C-alpha cells in the first residue's frame, strides 16, 4: 500500500507548477507561429479572391 503525506502532495504540486512555468514560453511560441500561419493564409486567400494578386 502506498501512502502520501501532506509534504509529498505539496512538493508534487510545486514540481508540476514549475514544469508548466518552464513550458509556457514554448507553448506561446507554438501558438503564435500557428496563429501567424493561419492569418497569413487567410490574407493570401482574401487578396487572391479579390483579384489583387495574380496566382
PDB file of N, CA and C in Angstrom:
ATOM      1  N   UNK A   1       0.843  -1.178   0.000  1.00  0.00           N
ATOM      2  CA  UNK A   1       0.000   0.000   0.000  1.00  0.00           C
ATOM      3  C   UNK A   1       0.889   1.242   0.000  1.00  0.00           C
ATOM      4  N   UNK A   2       0.494   2.216  -0.802  1.00  0.00           N
ATOM      5  CA  UNK A   2       1.264   3.456  -0.908  1.00  0.00           C
ATOM      6  C   UNK A   2       0.551   4.532  -0.109  1.00  0.00           C
ATOM      7  N   UNK A   3       1.314   5.234   0.704  1.00  0.00           N
ATOM      8  CA  UNK A   3       0.729   6.324   1.486  1.00  0.00           C
ATOM      9  C   UNK A   3       1.421   7.632   1.126  1.00  0.00           C
ATOM     10  N   UNK A   4       0.653   8.693   1.157  1.00  0.00           N
ATOM     11  CA  UNK A   4       1.165  10.036   0.895  1.00  0.00           C
ATOM     12  C   UNK A   4       0.846  10.911   2.083  1.00  0.00           C
ATOM     13  N   UNK A   5       1.808  11.738   2.468  1.00  0.00           N
ATOM     14  CA  UNK A   5       1.505  12.722   3.500  1.00  0.00           C
ATOM     15  C   UNK A   5       1.414  14.102   2.844  1.00  0.00           C
ATOM     16  N   UNK A   6       1.150  15.116   3.638  1.00  0.00           N
ATOM     17  CA  UNK A   6       0.901  16.459   3.101  1.00  0.00           C
ATOM     18  C   UNK A   6       2.125  17.023   2.389  1.00  0.00           C
ATOM     19  N   UNK A   7       3.318  16.717   2.868  1.00  0.00           N
ATOM     20  CA  UNK A   7       4.517  17.274   2.225  1.00  0.00           C
ATOM     21  C   UNK A   7       4.759  16.642   0.858  1.00  0.00           C
ATOM     22  N   UNK A   8       4.409  15.369   0.698  1.00  0.00           N
ATOM     23  CA  UNK A   8       4.562  14.730  -0.611  1.00  0.00           C
ATOM     24  C   UNK A   8       3.645  15.375  -1.647  1.00  0.00           C
ATOM     25  N   UNK A   9       2.416  15.609  -1.264  1.00  0.00           N
ATOM     26  CA  UNK A   9       1.457  16.227  -2.180  1.00  0.00           C
ATOM     27  C   UNK A   9       1.883  17.652  -2.504  1.00  0.00           C
ATOM     28  N   UNK A  10       2.337  18.397  -1.517  1.00  0.00           N
ATOM     29  CA  UNK A  10       2.753  19.781  -1.739  1.00  0.00           C
ATOM     30  C   UNK A  10       3.977  19.850  -2.649  1.00  0.00           C
ATOM     31  N   UNK A  11       4.947  18.978  -2.440  1.00  0.00           N
ATOM     32  CA  UNK A  11       6.144  19.009  -3.282  1.00  0.00           C
ATOM     33  C   UNK A  11       5.824  18.588  -4.710  1.00  0.00           C
ATOM     34  N   UNK A  12       4.894  17.658  -4.867  1.00  0.00           N
ATOM     35  CA  UNK A  12       4.481  17.251  -6.211  1.00  0.00           C
ATOM     36  C   UNK A  12       3.766  18.395  -6.918  1.00  0.00           C
ATOM     37  N   UNK A  13       2.922  19.104  -6.207  1.00  0.00           N
ATOM     38  CA  UNK A  13       2.215  20.244  -6.787  1.00  0.00           C
ATOM     39  C   UNK A  13       3.188  21.335  -7.208  1.00  0.00           C
ATOM     40  N   UNK A  14       4.192  21.599  -6.403  1.00  0.00           N
ATOM     41  CA  UNK A  14       5.204  22.602  -6.744  1.00  0.00           C
ATOM     42  C   UNK A  14       5.971  22.163  -7.980  1.00  0.00           C
ATOM     43  N   UNK A  15       6.327  20.899  -8.057  1.00  0.00           N
ATOM     44  CA  UNK A  15       7.068  20.378  -9.206  1.00  0.00           C
ATOM     45  C   UNK A  15       6.253  20.512 -10.489  1.00  0.00           C
ATOM     46  N   UNK A  16       4.979  20.168 -10.438  1.00  0.00           N
ATOM     47  CA  UNK A  16       4.115  20.290 -11.617  1.00  0.00           C
ATOM     48  C   UNK A  16       3.970  21.757 -12.012  1.00  0.00           C
ATOM     49  N   UNK A  17       3.846  22.639 -11.048  1.00  0.00           N
ATOM     50  CA  UNK A  17       3.761  24.070 -11.339  1.00  0.00           C
ATOM     51  C   UNK A  17       5.012  24.588 -12.019  1.00  0.00           C
ATOM     52  N   UNK A  18       6.181  24.120 -11.593  1.00  0.00           N
ATOM     53  CA  UNK A  18       7.436  24.535 -12.223  1.00  0.00           C
ATOM     54  C   UNK A  18       7.531  24.030 -13.658  1.00  0.00           C
ATOM     55  N   UNK A  19       7.039  22.830 -13.905  1.00  0.00           N
ATOM     56  CA  UNK A  19       7.057  22.296 -15.275  1.00  0.00           C
ATOM     57  C   UNK A  19       6.207  23.176 -16.190  1.00  0.00           C
ATOM     58  N   UNK A  20       5.003  23.548 -15.749  1.00  0.00           N
ATOM     59  CA  UNK A  20       4.150  24.400 -16.574  1.00  0.00           C
ATOM     60  C   UNK A  20       4.756  25.786 -16.749  1.00  0.00           C
ATOM     61  N   UNK A  21       5.418  26.310 -15.720  1.00  0.00           N
ATOM     62  CA  UNK A  21       6.077  27.607 -15.840  1.00  0.00           C
ATOM     63  C   UNK A  21       7.205  27.546 -16.856  1.00  0.00           C
ATOM     64  N   UNK A  22       7.960  26.460 -16.864  1.00  0.00           N
ATOM     65  CA  UNK A  22       9.056  26.318 -17.816  1.00  0.00           C
ATOM     66  C   UNK A  22       8.554  26.106 -19.239  1.00  0.00           C
ATOM     67  N   UNK A  23       7.423  25.459 -19.410  1.00  0.00           N
ATOM     68  CA  UNK A  23       6.896  25.175 -20.745  1.00  0.00           C
ATOM     69  C   UNK A  23       6.090  26.326 -21.339  1.00  0.00           C
ATOM     70  N   UNK A  24       5.741  27.321 -20.528  1.00  0.00           N
ATOM     71  CA  UNK A  24       4.894  28.407 -21.004  1.00  0.00           C
ATOM     72  C   UNK A  24       5.470  29.138 -22.219  1.00  0.00           C
ATOM     73  N   UNK A  25       6.758  29.516 -22.252  1.00  0.00           N
ATOM     74  CA  UNK A  25       7.277  30.186 -23.460  1.00  0.00           C
ATOM     75  C   UNK A  25       7.211  29.311 -24.708  1.00  0.00           C
ATOM     76  N   UNK A  26       7.465  28.027 -24.560  1.00  0.00           N
ATOM     77  CA  UNK A  26       7.402  27.126 -25.712  1.00  0.00           C
ATOM     78  C   UNK A  26       5.968  27.034 -26.231  1.00  0.00           C
ATOM     79  N   UNK A  27       5.012  26.960 -25.330  1.00  0.00           N
ATOM     80  CA  UNK A  27       3.606  26.897 -25.729  1.00  0.00           C
ATOM     81  C   UNK A  27       3.194  28.191 -26.423  1.00  0.00           C
ATOM     82  N   UNK A  28       3.625  29.351 -25.893  1.00  0.00           N
ATOM     83  CA  UNK A  28       3.289  30.632 -26.517  1.00  0.00           C
ATOM     84  C   UNK A  28       3.883  30.742 -27.914  1.00  0.00           C
ATOM     85  N   UNK A  29       5.116  30.286 -28.105  1.00  0.00           N
ATOM     86  CA  UNK A  29       5.737  30.330 -29.428  1.00  0.00           C
ATOM     87  C   UNK A  29       4.978  29.424 -30.388  1.00  0.00           C
ATOM     88  N   UNK A  30       4.629  28.233 -29.953  1.00  0.00           N
ATOM     89  CA  UNK A  30       3.888  27.296 -30.806  1.00  0.00           C
ATOM     90  C   UNK A  30       2.545  27.889 -31.228  1.00  0.00           C
ATOM     91  N   UNK A  31       1.810  28.424 -30.273  1.00  0.00           N
ATOM     92  CA  UNK A  31       0.503  29.004 -30.577  1.00  0.00           C
ATOM     93  C   UNK A  31       0.667  30.233 -31.472  1.00  0.00           C
ATOM     94  N   UNK A  32       1.672  31.055 -31.201  1.00  0.00           N
ATOM     95  CA  UNK A  32       1.889  32.256 -32.003  1.00  0.00           C
ATOM     96  C   UNK A  32       2.253  31.946 -33.436  1.00  0.00           C
ATOM     97  N   UNK A  33       3.137  30.987 -33.652  1.00  0.00           N
ATOM     98  CA  UNK A  33       3.539  30.625 -35.012  1.00  0.00           C
ATOM     99  C   UNK A  33       2.363  30.008 -35.762  1.00  0.00           C
ATOM    100  N   UNK A  34       1.620  29.152 -35.098  1.00  0.00           N
ATOM    101  CA  UNK A  34       0.447  28.547 -35.729  1.00  0.00           C
ATOM    102  C   UNK A  34      -0.571  29.615 -36.117  1.00  0.00           C
ATOM    103  N   UNK A  35      -0.836  30.535 -35.212  1.00  0.00           N
ATOM    104  CA  UNK A  35      -1.782  31.609 -35.490  1.00  0.00           C
ATOM    105  C   UNK A  35      -1.288  32.500 -36.627  1.00  0.00           C
ATOM    106  N   UNK A  36       0.009  32.771 -36.672  1.00  0.00           N
ATOM    107  CA  UNK A  36       0.569  33.590 -37.748  1.00  0.00           C
ATOM    108  C   UNK A  36       0.375  32.913 -39.102  1.00  0.00           C
ATOM    109  N   UNK A  37       0.617  31.611 -39.182  1.00  0.00           N
ATOM    110  CA  UNK A  37       0.416  30.900 -40.446  1.00  0.00           C
ATOM    111  C   UNK A  37      -1.048  30.937 -40.877  1.00  0.00           C
ATOM    112  N   UNK A  38      -1.952  30.797 -39.939  1.00  0.00           N
ATOM    113  CA  UNK A  38      -3.379  30.836 -40.268  1.00  0.00           C
ATOM    114  C   UNK A  38      -3.758  32.221 -40.787  1.00  0.00           C
ATOM    115  N   UNK A  39      -3.295  33.268 -40.117  1.00  0.00           N
ATOM    116  CA  UNK A  39      -3.634  34.633 -40.530  1.00  0.00           C
ATOM    117  C   UNK A  39      -3.038  34.952 -41.894  1.00  0.00           C
ATOM    118  N   UNK A  40      -1.781  34.587 -42.116  1.00  0.00           N
ATOM    119  CA  UNK A  40      -1.149  34.844 -43.413  1.00  0.00           C
ATOM    120  C   UNK A  40      -1.879  34.074 -44.514  1.00  0.00           C
ATOM    121  N   UNK A  41      -2.249  32.849 -44.252  1.00  0.00           N
ATOM    122  CA  UNK A  41      -3.001  32.072 -45.236  1.00  0.00           C
ATOM    123  C   UNK A  41      -4.343  32.708 -45.559  1.00  0.00           C
ATOM    124  N   UNK A  42      -5.023  33.209 -44.544  1.00  0.00           N
ATOM    125  CA  UNK A  42      -6.303  33.878 -44.766  1.00  0.00           C
ATOM    126  C   UNK A  42      -6.119  35.156 -45.580  1.00  0.00           C
ATOM    127  N   UNK A  43      -5.076  35.919 -45.283  1.00  0.00           N
ATOM    128  CA  UNK A  43      -4.818  37.149 -46.032  1.00  0.00           C
ATOM    129  C   UNK A  43      -4.491  36.854 -47.489  1.00  0.00           C
ATOM    130  N   UNK A  44      -3.673  35.845 -47.726  1.00  0.00           N
ATOM    131  CA  UNK A  44      -3.342  35.478 -49.105  1.00  0.00           C
ATOM    132  C   UNK A  44      -4.603  35.041 -49.841  1.00  0.00           C
ATOM    133  N   UNK A  45      -5.419  34.230 -49.210  1.00  0.00           N
ATOM    134  CA  UNK A  45      -6.668  33.803 -49.827  1.00  0.00           C
ATOM    135  C   UNK A  45      -7.598  34.966 -50.111  1.00  0.00           C
ATOM    136  N   UNK A  46      -7.652  35.926 -49.209  1.00  0.00           N
ATOM    137  CA  UNK A  46      -8.509  37.093 -49.406  1.00  0.00           C
ATOM    138  C   UNK A  46      -8.049  37.912 -50.604  1.00  0.00           C
ATOM    139  N   UNK A  47      -6.747  38.182 -50.697  1.00  0.00           N
ATOM    140  CA  UNK A  47      -6.250  39.007 -51.791  1.00  0.00           C
ATOM    141  C   UNK A  47      -6.314  38.282 -53.130  1.00  0.00           C
ATOM    142  N   UNK A  48      -6.168  36.972 -53.130  1.00  0.00           N
ATOM    143  CA  UNK A  48      -6.282  36.224 -54.380  1.00  0.00           C
ATOM    144  C   UNK A  48      -7.729  36.263 -54.879  1.00  0.00           C
ATOM    145  N   UNK A  49      -8.694  36.121 -53.977  1.00  0.00           N
ATOM    146  CA  UNK A  49     -10.096  36.156 -54.398  1.00  0.00           C
ATOM    147  C   UNK A  49     -10.516  37.560 -54.817  1.00  0.00           C
ATOM    148  N   UNK A  50      -9.862  38.573 -54.312  1.00  0.00           N
ATOM    149  CA  UNK A  50     -10.166  39.947 -54.716  1.00  0.00           C
ATOM    150  C   UNK A  50      -9.529  40.298 -56.054  1.00  0.00           C
ATOM    151  N   UNK A  51      -8.642  39.455 -56.548  1.00  0.00           N
ATOM    152  CA  UNK A  51      -8.007  39.688 -57.829  1.00  0.00           C
ATOM    153  C   UNK A  51      -6.828  40.633 -57.766  1.00  0.00           C
ATOM    154  N   UNK A  52      -6.329  40.912 -56.583  1.00  0.00           N
ATOM    155  CA  UNK A  52      -5.201  41.835 -56.454  1.00  0.00           C
ATOM    156  C   UNK A  52      -3.869  41.148 -56.684  1.00  0.00           C
ATOM    157  N   UNK A  53      -3.845  39.839 -56.501  1.00  0.00           N
ATOM    158  CA  UNK A  53      -2.626  39.070 -56.737  1.00  0.00           C
ATOM    159  C   UNK A  53      -2.960  38.033 -57.802  1.00  0.00           C
ATOM    160  N   UNK A  54      -2.155  37.983 -58.841  1.00  0.00           N
ATOM    161  CA  UNK A  54      -2.374  37.002 -59.892  1.00  0.00           C
ATOM    162  C   UNK A  54      -1.689  35.701 -59.503  1.00  0.00           C
ATOM    163  N   UNK A  55      -2.472  34.649 -59.323  1.00  0.00           N
ATOM    164  CA  UNK A  55      -1.905  33.362 -58.920  1.00  0.00           C
ATOM    165  C   UNK A  55      -1.581  32.514 -60.122  1.00  0.00           C
TER     166      UNK A  55
END
